[in-house]
Amino acid sequence: MLTENSLSDLRFHDLRHAFATHALANGVDAKTLSGILGHTNKASFTVDTYTHTTTDMHKKAAEIVGGFLTDYLGEEMSPWQNVEPAATAAST
């Protein structure tokens, strides 16, 4: 079936990694995912072994932390939103 669909280099285990990553990225909690994958007592093992962070996951984490800091410090204390990149600032 894989060869017929030009996926001959894909292993079944690769699908497991992809599933775990997409499940976490879309809000499935680690404990539930651990149970789905059969690691009922080791959610940390599941996260460490079968998932890979994505750019979107990093961006979402940054937005959450940025939002928390803005809520805590106020809008006037969010200089990271208005700072020019160092290369641009140095060239002016």
PDB file of N, CA and C in Angstrom:
ATOM      1  N   MET A   1       0.819  -1.183   0.000  1.00  0.00           N
ATOM      2  CA  MET A   1       0.000   0.000   0.000  1.00  0.00           C
ATOM      3  C   MET A   1       0.874   1.261   0.000  1.00  0.00           C
ATOM      4  N   LEU A   2       1.960   1.265   0.768  1.00  0.00           N
ATOM      5  CA  LEU A   2       2.841   2.428   0.795  1.00  0.00           C
ATOM      6  C   LEU A   2       3.489   2.664  -0.561  1.00  0.00           C
ATOM      7  N   THR A   3       3.972   1.603  -1.201  1.00  0.00           N
ATOM      8  CA  THR A   3       4.609   1.730  -2.506  1.00  0.00           C
ATOM      9  C   THR A   3       3.626   2.253  -3.541  1.00  0.00           C
ATOM     10  N   GLU A   4       2.402   1.762  -3.503  1.00  0.00           N
ATOM     11  CA  GLU A   4       1.377   2.208  -4.449  1.00  0.00           C
ATOM     12  C   GLU A   4       1.085   3.700  -4.321  1.00  0.00           C
ATOM     13  N   ASN A   5       1.329   4.275  -3.151  1.00  0.00           N
ATOM     14  CA  ASN A   5       1.059   5.683  -2.908  1.00  0.00           C
ATOM     15  C   ASN A   5       2.332   6.523  -2.824  1.00  0.00           C
ATOM     16  N   SER A   6       3.422   5.991  -3.378  1.00  0.00           N
ATOM     17  CA  SER A   6       4.725   6.666  -3.416  1.00  0.00           C
ATOM     18  C   SER A   6       5.228   7.054  -2.033  1.00  0.00           C
ATOM     19  N   LEU A   7       4.989   6.198  -1.064  1.00  0.00           N
ATOM     20  CA  LEU A   7       5.438   6.425   0.310  1.00  0.00           C
ATOM     21  C   LEU A   7       6.326   5.282   0.784  1.00  0.00           C
ATOM     22  N   SER A   8       7.114   4.744  -0.117  1.00  0.00           N
ATOM     23  CA  SER A   8       7.880   3.542   0.198  1.00  0.00           C
ATOM     24  C   SER A   8       8.900   3.739   1.315  1.00  0.00           C
ATOM     25  N   ASP A   9       9.341   4.976   1.569  1.00  0.00           N
ATOM     26  CA  ASP A   9      10.326   5.214   2.628  1.00  0.00           C
ATOM     27  C   ASP A   9       9.692   5.460   3.996  1.00  0.00           C
ATOM     28  N   LEU A  10       8.383   5.450   4.071  1.00  0.00           N
ATOM     29  CA  LEU A  10       7.679   5.723   5.322  1.00  0.00           C
ATOM     30  C   LEU A  10       7.514   4.433   6.124  1.00  0.00           C
ATOM     31  N   ARG A  11       7.877   4.507   7.398  1.00  0.00           N
ATOM     32  CA  ARG A  11       7.695   3.361   8.277  1.00  0.00           C
ATOM     33  C   ARG A  11       6.437   3.567   9.121  1.00  0.00           C
ATOM     34  N   PHE A  12       5.829   2.485   9.564  1.00  0.00           N
ATOM     35  CA  PHE A  12       4.643   2.603  10.403  1.00  0.00           C
ATOM     36  C   PHE A  12       4.955   3.425  11.647  1.00  0.00           C
ATOM     37  N   HIS A  13       6.144   3.241  12.201  1.00  0.00           N
ATOM     38  CA  HIS A  13       6.525   3.967  13.409  1.00  0.00           C
ATOM     39  C   HIS A  13       6.588   5.475  13.154  1.00  0.00           C
ATOM     40  N   ASP A  14       6.920   5.879  11.920  1.00  0.00           N
ATOM     41  CA  ASP A  14       6.916   7.302  11.577  1.00  0.00           C
ATOM     42  C   ASP A  14       5.513   7.881  11.725  1.00  0.00           C
ATOM     43  N   LEU A  15       4.512   7.097  11.391  1.00  0.00           N
ATOM     44  CA  LEU A  15       3.125   7.535  11.547  1.00  0.00           C
ATOM     45  C   LEU A  15       2.800   7.753  13.020  1.00  0.00           C
ATOM     46  N   ARG A  16       3.353   6.921  13.875  1.00  0.00           N
ATOM     47  CA  ARG A  16       3.137   7.052  15.324  1.00  0.00           C
ATOM     48  C   ARG A  16       3.697   8.382  15.831  1.00  0.00           C
ATOM     49  N   HIS A  17       4.909   8.723  15.378  1.00  0.00           N
ATOM     50  CA  HIS A  17       5.521  10.000  15.762  1.00  0.00           C
ATOM     51  C   HIS A  17       4.679  11.167  15.254  1.00  0.00           C
ATOM     52  N   ALA A  18       4.272  11.100  14.004  1.00  0.00           N
ATOM     53  CA  ALA A  18       3.470  12.179  13.416  1.00  0.00           C
ATOM     54  C   ALA A  18       2.142  12.322  14.151  1.00  0.00           C
ATOM     55  N   PHE A  19       1.501  11.203  14.433  1.00  0.00           N
ATOM     56  CA  PHE A  19       0.229  11.238  15.166  1.00  0.00           C
ATOM     57  C   PHE A  19       0.403  11.905  16.523  1.00  0.00           C
ATOM     58  N   ALA A  20       1.427  11.506  17.262  1.00  0.00           N
ATOM     59  CA  ALA A  20       1.647  12.046  18.600  1.00  0.00           C
ATOM     60  C   ALA A  20       1.910  13.546  18.545  1.00  0.00           C
ATOM     61  N   THR A  21       2.722  13.994  17.604  1.00  0.00           N
ATOM     62  CA  THR A  21       3.023  15.411  17.465  1.00  0.00           C
ATOM     63  C   THR A  21       1.766  16.207  17.144  1.00  0.00           C
ATOM     64  N   HIS A  22       1.004  15.737  16.167  1.00  0.00           N
ATOM     65  CA  HIS A  22      -0.223  16.444  15.781  1.00  0.00           C
ATOM     66  C   HIS A  22      -1.268  16.411  16.892  1.00  0.00           C
ATOM     67  N   ALA A  23      -1.332  15.324  17.627  1.00  0.00           N
ATOM     68  CA  ALA A  23      -2.293  15.244  18.732  1.00  0.00           C
ATOM     69  C   ALA A  23      -1.971  16.289  19.790  1.00  0.00           C
ATOM     70  N   LEU A  24      -0.707  16.388  20.190  1.00  0.00           N
ATOM     71  CA  LEU A  24      -0.316  17.392  21.190  1.00  0.00           C
ATOM     72  C   LEU A  24      -0.519  18.802  20.662  1.00  0.00           C
ATOM     73  N   ALA A  25      -0.144  19.039  19.413  1.00  0.00           N
ATOM     74  CA  ALA A  25      -0.277  20.371  18.820  1.00  0.00           C
ATOM     75  C   ALA A  25      -1.730  20.812  18.733  1.00  0.00           C
ATOM     76  N   ASN A  26      -2.635  19.858  18.706  1.00  0.00           N
ATOM     77  CA  ASN A  26      -4.054  20.179  18.572  1.00  0.00           C
ATOM     78  C   ASN A  26      -4.828  20.037  19.876  1.00  0.00           C
ATOM     79  N   GLY A  27      -4.098  19.978  20.986  1.00  0.00           N
ATOM     80  CA  GLY A  27      -4.751  20.069  22.277  1.00  0.00           C
ATOM     81  C   GLY A  27      -4.988  18.785  23.039  1.00  0.00           C
ATOM     82  N   VAL A  28      -4.556  17.644  22.530  1.00  0.00           N
ATOM     83  CA  VAL A  28      -4.695  16.409  23.304  1.00  0.00           C
ATOM     84  C   VAL A  28      -3.662  16.463  24.426  1.00  0.00           C
ATOM     85  N   ASP A  29      -4.106  16.298  25.658  1.00  0.00           N
ATOM     86  CA  ASP A  29      -3.161  16.385  26.769  1.00  0.00           C
ATOM     87  C   ASP A  29      -2.248  15.157  26.804  1.00  0.00           C
ATOM     88  N   ALA A  30      -1.075  15.334  27.409  1.00  0.00           N
ATOM     89  CA  ALA A  30      -0.045  14.298  27.419  1.00  0.00           C
ATOM     90  C   ALA A  30      -0.514  13.010  28.081  1.00  0.00           C
ATOM     91  N   LYS A  31      -1.277  13.104  29.148  1.00  0.00           N
ATOM     92  CA  LYS A  31      -1.747  11.911  29.861  1.00  0.00           C
ATOM     93  C   LYS A  31      -2.686  11.089  28.980  1.00  0.00           C
ATOM     94  N   THR A  32      -3.608  11.758  28.297  1.00  0.00           N
ATOM     95  CA  THR A  32      -4.528  11.055  27.398  1.00  0.00           C
ATOM     96  C   THR A  32      -3.768  10.431  26.244  1.00  0.00           C
ATOM     97  N   LEU A  33      -2.858  11.198  25.652  1.00  0.00           N
ATOM     98  CA  LEU A  33      -2.066  10.680  24.537  1.00  0.00           C
ATOM     99  C   LEU A  33      -1.244   9.482  24.976  1.00  0.00           C
ATOM    100  N   SER A  34      -0.698   9.554  26.169  1.00  0.00           N
ATOM    101  CA  SER A  34       0.079   8.439  26.705  1.00  0.00           C
ATOM    102  C   SER A  34      -0.759   7.169  26.755  1.00  0.00           C
ATOM    103  N   GLY A  35      -1.998   7.303  27.199  1.00  0.00           N
ATOM    104  CA  GLY A  35      -2.894   6.147  27.244  1.00  0.00           C
ATOM    105  C   GLY A  35      -3.214   5.611  25.860  1.00  0.00           C
ATOM    106  N   ILE A  36      -3.446   6.506  24.908  1.00  0.00           N
ATOM    107  CA  ILE A  36      -3.742   6.090  23.535  1.00  0.00           C
ATOM    108  C   ILE A  36      -2.577   5.293  22.956  1.00  0.00           C
ATOM    109  N   LEU A  37      -1.357   5.739  23.248  1.00  0.00           N
ATOM    110  CA  LEU A  37      -0.162   5.076  22.716  1.00  0.00           C
ATOM    111  C   LEU A  37       0.250   3.853  23.527  1.00  0.00           C
ATOM    112  N   GLY A  38      -0.425   3.618  24.639  1.00  0.00           N
ATOM    113  CA  GLY A  38      -0.120   2.439  25.443  1.00  0.00           C
ATOM    114  C   GLY A  38       0.907   2.647  26.520  1.00  0.00           C
ATOM    115  N   HIS A  39       1.217   3.886  26.837  1.00  0.00           N
ATOM    116  CA  HIS A  39       2.168   4.204  27.902  1.00  0.00           C
ATOM    117  C   HIS A  39       1.399   4.753  29.094  1.00  0.00           C
ATOM    118  N   THR A  40       0.522   3.969  29.633  1.00  0.00           N
ATOM    119  CA  THR A  40      -0.425   4.456  30.633  1.00  0.00           C
ATOM    120  C   THR A  40       0.204   5.021  31.892  1.00  0.00           C
ATOM    121  N   ASN A  41       1.419   4.634  32.220  1.00  0.00           N
ATOM    122  CA  ASN A  41       2.038   5.131  33.451  1.00  0.00           C
ATOM    123  C   ASN A  41       3.154   6.139  33.209  1.00  0.00           C
ATOM    124  N   LYS A  42       3.423   6.464  31.972  1.00  0.00           N
ATOM    125  CA  LYS A  42       4.580   7.312  31.685  1.00  0.00           C
ATOM    126  C   LYS A  42       4.265   8.381  30.640  1.00  0.00           C
ATOM    127  N   ALA A  43       3.515   9.398  31.015  1.00  0.00           N
ATOM    128  CA  ALA A  43       3.214  10.480  30.079  1.00  0.00           C
ATOM    129  C   ALA A  43       4.494  11.185  29.641  1.00  0.00           C
ATOM    130  N   SER A  44       5.444  11.346  30.551  1.00  0.00           N
ATOM    131  CA  SER A  44       6.697  12.024  30.184  1.00  0.00           C
ATOM    132  C   SER A  44       7.473  11.211  29.142  1.00  0.00           C
ATOM    133  N   PHE A  45       7.445   9.891  29.243  1.00  0.00           N
ATOM    134  CA  PHE A  45       8.093   9.042  28.243  1.00  0.00           C
ATOM    135  C   PHE A  45       7.467   9.266  26.879  1.00  0.00           C
ATOM    136  N   THR A  46       6.150   9.341  26.840  1.00  0.00           N
ATOM    137  CA  THR A  46       5.434   9.560  25.583  1.00  0.00           C
ATOM    138  C   THR A  46       5.844  10.884  24.962  1.00  0.00           C
ATOM    139  N   VAL A  47       5.827  11.937  25.757  1.00  0.00           N
ATOM    140  CA  VAL A  47       6.163  13.261  25.238  1.00  0.00           C
ATOM    141  C   VAL A  47       7.609  13.308  24.768  1.00  0.00           C
ATOM    142  N   ASP A  48       8.525  12.768  25.567  1.00  0.00           N
ATOM    143  CA  ASP A  48       9.944  12.811  25.211  1.00  0.00           C
ATOM    144  C   ASP A  48      10.275  11.951  23.995  1.00  0.00           C
ATOM    145  N   THR A  49       9.606  10.831  23.841  1.00  0.00           N
ATOM    146  CA  THR A  49       9.975   9.862  22.821  1.00  0.00           C
ATOM    147  C   THR A  49       9.225  10.022  21.506  1.00  0.00           C
ATOM    148  N   TYR A  50       7.943  10.292  21.577  1.00  0.00           N
ATOM    149  CA  TYR A  50       7.119  10.217  20.380  1.00  0.00           C
ATOM    150  C   TYR A  50       6.631  11.541  19.822  1.00  0.00           C
ATOM    151  N   THR A  51       7.067  12.625  20.379  1.00  0.00           N
ATOM    152  CA  THR A  51       6.617  13.911  19.860  1.00  0.00           C
ATOM    153  C   THR A  51       7.801  14.798  19.534  1.00  0.00           C
ATOM    154  N   HIS A  52       7.548  15.733  18.671  1.00  0.00           N
ATOM    155  CA  HIS A  52       8.561  16.690  18.246  1.00  0.00           C
ATOM    156  C   HIS A  52       7.874  18.051  18.210  1.00  0.00           C
ATOM    157  N   THR A  53       8.508  19.054  18.789  1.00  0.00           N
ATOM    158  CA  THR A  53       7.872  20.364  18.776  1.00  0.00           C
ATOM    159  C   THR A  53       7.900  20.926  17.366  1.00  0.00           C
ATOM    160  N   THR A  54       6.882  21.692  17.059  1.00  0.00           N
ATOM    161  CA  THR A  54       6.775  22.305  15.749  1.00  0.00           C
ATOM    162  C   THR A  54       6.936  23.805  15.884  1.00  0.00           C
ATOM    163  N   THR A  55       7.162  24.475  14.777  1.00  0.00           N
ATOM    164  CA  THR A  55       7.270  25.929  14.782  1.00  0.00           C
ATOM    165  C   THR A  55       5.987  26.541  15.335  1.00  0.00           C
ATOM    166  N   ASP A  56       4.848  25.992  14.951  1.00  0.00           N
ATOM    167  CA  ASP A  56       3.576  26.509  15.449  1.00  0.00           C
ATOM    168  C   ASP A  56       3.465  26.352  16.958  1.00  0.00           C
ATOM    169  N   MET A  57       3.964  25.251  17.499  1.00  0.00           N
ATOM    170  CA  MET A  57       3.927  25.041  18.941  1.00  0.00           C
ATOM    171  C   MET A  57       4.797  26.078  19.651  1.00  0.00           C
ATOM    172  N   HIS A  58       5.962  26.387  19.077  1.00  0.00           N
ATOM    173  CA  HIS A  58       6.840  27.408  19.654  1.00  0.00           C
ATOM    174  C   HIS A  58       6.167  28.773  19.599  1.00  0.00           C
ATOM    175  N   LYS A  59       5.536  29.098  18.472  1.00  0.00           N
ATOM    176  CA  LYS A  59       4.855  30.385  18.321  1.00  0.00           C
ATOM    177  C   LYS A  59       3.709  30.515  19.320  1.00  0.00           C
ATOM    178  N   LYS A  60       2.930  29.443  19.474  1.00  0.00           N
ATOM    179  CA  LYS A  60       1.809  29.478  20.416  1.00  0.00           C
ATOM    180  C   LYS A  60       2.322  29.683  21.846  1.00  0.00           C
ATOM    181  N   ALA A  61       3.405  29.005  22.202  1.00  0.00           N
ATOM    182  CA  ALA A  61       3.983  29.158  23.544  1.00  0.00           C
ATOM    183  C   ALA A  61       4.449  30.600  23.755  1.00  0.00           C
ATOM    184  N   ALA A  62       5.073  31.192  22.753  1.00  0.00           N
ATOM    185  CA  ALA A  62       5.536  32.578  22.861  1.00  0.00           C
ATOM    186  C   ALA A  62       4.355  33.532  23.026  1.00  0.00           C
ATOM    187  N   GLU A  63       3.267  33.282  22.299  1.00  0.00           N
ATOM    188  CA  GLU A  63       2.079  34.127  22.419  1.00  0.00           C
ATOM    189  C   GLU A  63       1.455  34.019  23.808  1.00  0.00           C
ATOM    190  N   ILE A  64       1.430  32.807  24.354  1.00  0.00           N
ATOM    191  CA  ILE A  64       0.878  32.608  25.695  1.00  0.00           C
ATOM    192  C   ILE A  64       1.708  33.358  26.730  1.00  0.00           C
ATOM    193  N   VAL A  65       3.032  33.195  26.665  1.00  0.00           N
ATOM    194  CA  VAL A  65       3.909  33.869  27.627  1.00  0.00           C
ATOM    195  C   VAL A  65       3.839  35.384  27.436  1.00  0.00           C
ATOM    196  N   GLY A  66       3.856  35.846  26.174  1.00  0.00           N
ATOM    197  CA  GLY A  66       3.746  37.279  25.906  1.00  0.00           C
ATOM    198  C   GLY A  66       2.447  37.849  26.447  1.00  0.00           C
ATOM    199  N   GLY A  67       1.347  37.115  26.273  1.00  0.00           N
ATOM    200  CA  GLY A  67       0.055  37.553  26.797  1.00  0.00           C
ATOM    201  C   GLY A  67       0.054  37.622  28.308  1.00  0.00           C
ATOM    202  N   PHE A  68       0.659  36.623  28.931  1.00  0.00           N
ATOM    203  CA  PHE A  68       0.755  36.614  30.395  1.00  0.00           C
ATOM    204  C   PHE A  68       1.547  37.819  30.893  1.00  0.00           C
ATOM    205  N   LEU A  69       2.683  38.093  30.247  1.00  0.00           N
ATOM    206  CA  LEU A  69       3.509  39.225  30.666  1.00  0.00           C
ATOM    207  C   LEU A  69       2.784  40.546  30.462  1.00  0.00           C
ATOM    208  N   THR A  70       2.077  40.672  29.354  1.00  0.00           N
ATOM    209  CA  THR A  70       1.316  41.892  29.099  1.00  0.00           C
ATOM    210  C   THR A  70       0.218  42.052  30.144  1.00  0.00           C
ATOM    211  N   ASP A  71      -0.480  40.970  30.478  1.00  0.00           N
ATOM    212  CA  ASP A  71      -1.519  41.030  31.511  1.00  0.00           C
ATOM    213  C   ASP A  71      -0.920  41.417  32.854  1.00  0.00           C
ATOM    214  N   TYR A  72       0.242  40.903  33.155  1.00  0.00           N
ATOM    215  CA  TYR A  72       0.884  41.131  34.445  1.00  0.00           C
ATOM    216  C   TYR A  72       1.509  42.523  34.537  1.00  0.00           C
ATOM    217  N   LEU A  73       2.213  42.934  33.457  1.00  0.00           N
ATOM    218  CA  LEU A  73       2.961  44.185  33.490  1.00  0.00           C
ATOM    219  C   LEU A  73       2.216  45.364  32.880  1.00  0.00           C
ATOM    220  N   GLY A  74       1.185  45.081  32.100  1.00  0.00           N
ATOM    221  CA  GLY A  74       0.444  46.141  31.435  1.00  0.00           C
ATOM    222  C   GLY A  74       0.976  46.403  30.041  1.00  0.00           C
ATOM    223  N   GLU A  75       0.156  47.021  29.208  1.00  0.00           N
ATOM    224  CA  GLU A  75       0.523  47.303  27.820  1.00  0.00           C
ATOM    225  C   GLU A  75       1.781  48.155  27.704  1.00  0.00           C
ATOM    226  N   GLU A  76       1.940  49.124  28.621  1.00  0.00           N
ATOM    227  CA  GLU A  76       3.088  50.021  28.536  1.00  0.00           C
ATOM    228  C   GLU A  76       4.408  49.308  28.838  1.00  0.00           C
ATOM    229  N   MET A  77       4.341  48.127  29.404  1.00  0.00           N
ATOM    230  CA  MET A  77       5.546  47.379  29.743  1.00  0.00           C
ATOM    231  C   MET A  77       5.792  46.222  28.775  1.00  0.00           C
ATOM    232  N   SER A  78       5.410  46.390  27.532  1.00  0.00           N
ATOM    233  CA  SER A  78       5.628  45.322  26.550  1.00  0.00           C
ATOM    234  C   SER A  78       6.566  45.796  25.447  1.00  0.00           C
ATOM    235  N   PRO A  79       7.810  46.153  25.794  1.00  0.00           N
ATOM    236  CA  PRO A  79       8.750  46.704  24.811  1.00  0.00           C
ATOM    237  C   PRO A  79       9.113  45.716  23.706  1.00  0.00           C
ATOM    238  N   TRP A  80       8.976  44.432  23.940  1.00  0.00           N
ATOM    239  CA  TRP A  80       9.332  43.437  22.930  1.00  0.00           C
ATOM    240  C   TRP A  80       8.442  43.550  21.700  1.00  0.00           C
ATOM    241  N   GLN A  81       7.304  44.200  21.806  1.00  0.00           N
ATOM    242  CA  GLN A  81       6.400  44.332  20.674  1.00  0.00           C
ATOM    243  C   GLN A  81       6.803  45.475  19.745  1.00  0.00           C
ATOM    244  N   ASN A  82       7.614  46.409  20.195  1.00  0.00           N
ATOM    245  CA  ASN A  82       7.953  47.592  19.410  1.00  0.00           C
ATOM    246  C   ASN A  82       9.436  47.709  19.094  1.00  0.00           C
ATOM    247  N   VAL A  83      10.232  46.734  19.463  1.00  0.00           N
ATOM    248  CA  VAL A  83      11.674  46.800  19.265  1.00  0.00           C
ATOM    249  C   VAL A  83      12.021  46.390  17.843  1.00  0.00           C
ATOM    250  N   GLU A  84      12.894  47.194  17.202  1.00  0.00           N
ATOM    251  CA  GLU A  84      13.375  46.841  15.875  1.00  0.00           C
ATOM    252  C   GLU A  84      14.434  45.758  16.015  1.00  0.00           C
ATOM    253  N   PRO A  85      14.557  44.884  15.009  1.00  0.00           N
ATOM    254  CA  PRO A  85      15.617  43.880  15.061  1.00  0.00           C
ATOM    255  C   PRO A  85      16.983  44.568  15.168  1.00  0.00           C
ATOM    256  N   ALA A  86      17.920  43.945  15.838  1.00  0.00           N
ATOM    257  CA  ALA A  86      19.234  44.532  16.091  1.00  0.00           C
ATOM    258  C   ALA A  86      19.939  44.943  14.796  1.00  0.00           C
ATOM    259  N   ALA A  87      19.843  44.145  13.747  1.00  0.00           N
ATOM    260  CA  ALA A  87      20.508  44.454  12.480  1.00  0.00           C
ATOM    261  C   ALA A  87      19.942  45.724  11.881  1.00  0.00           C
ATOM    262  N   THR A  88      18.651  45.934  11.946  1.00  0.00           N
ATOM    263  CA  THR A  88      18.002  47.122  11.397  1.00  0.00           C
ATOM    264  C   THR A  88      18.392  48.344  12.222  1.00  0.00           C
ATOM    265  N   ALA A  89      18.349  48.213  13.530  1.00  0.00           N
ATOM    266  CA  ALA A  89      18.675  49.330  14.410  1.00  0.00           C
ATOM    267  C   ALA A  89      20.129  49.767  14.226  1.00  0.00           C
ATOM    268  N   ALA A  90      21.036  48.811  14.027  1.00  0.00           N
ATOM    269  CA  ALA A  90      22.455  49.114  13.882  1.00  0.00           C
ATOM    270  C   ALA A  90      22.729  49.811  12.553  1.00  0.00           C
ATOM    271  N   SER A  91      21.949  49.551  11.520  1.00  0.00           N
ATOM    272  CA  SER A  91      22.216  50.122  10.218  1.00  0.00           C
ATOM    273  C   SER A  91      21.684  51.534  10.071  1.00  0.00           C
ATOM    274  N   THR A  92      20.843  52.019  11.001  1.00  0.00           N
ATOM    275  CA  THR A  92      20.279  53.368  10.880  1.00  0.00           C
ATOM    276  C   THR A  92      21.093  54.402  11.569  1.00  0.00           C
TER     277      THR A  92
END
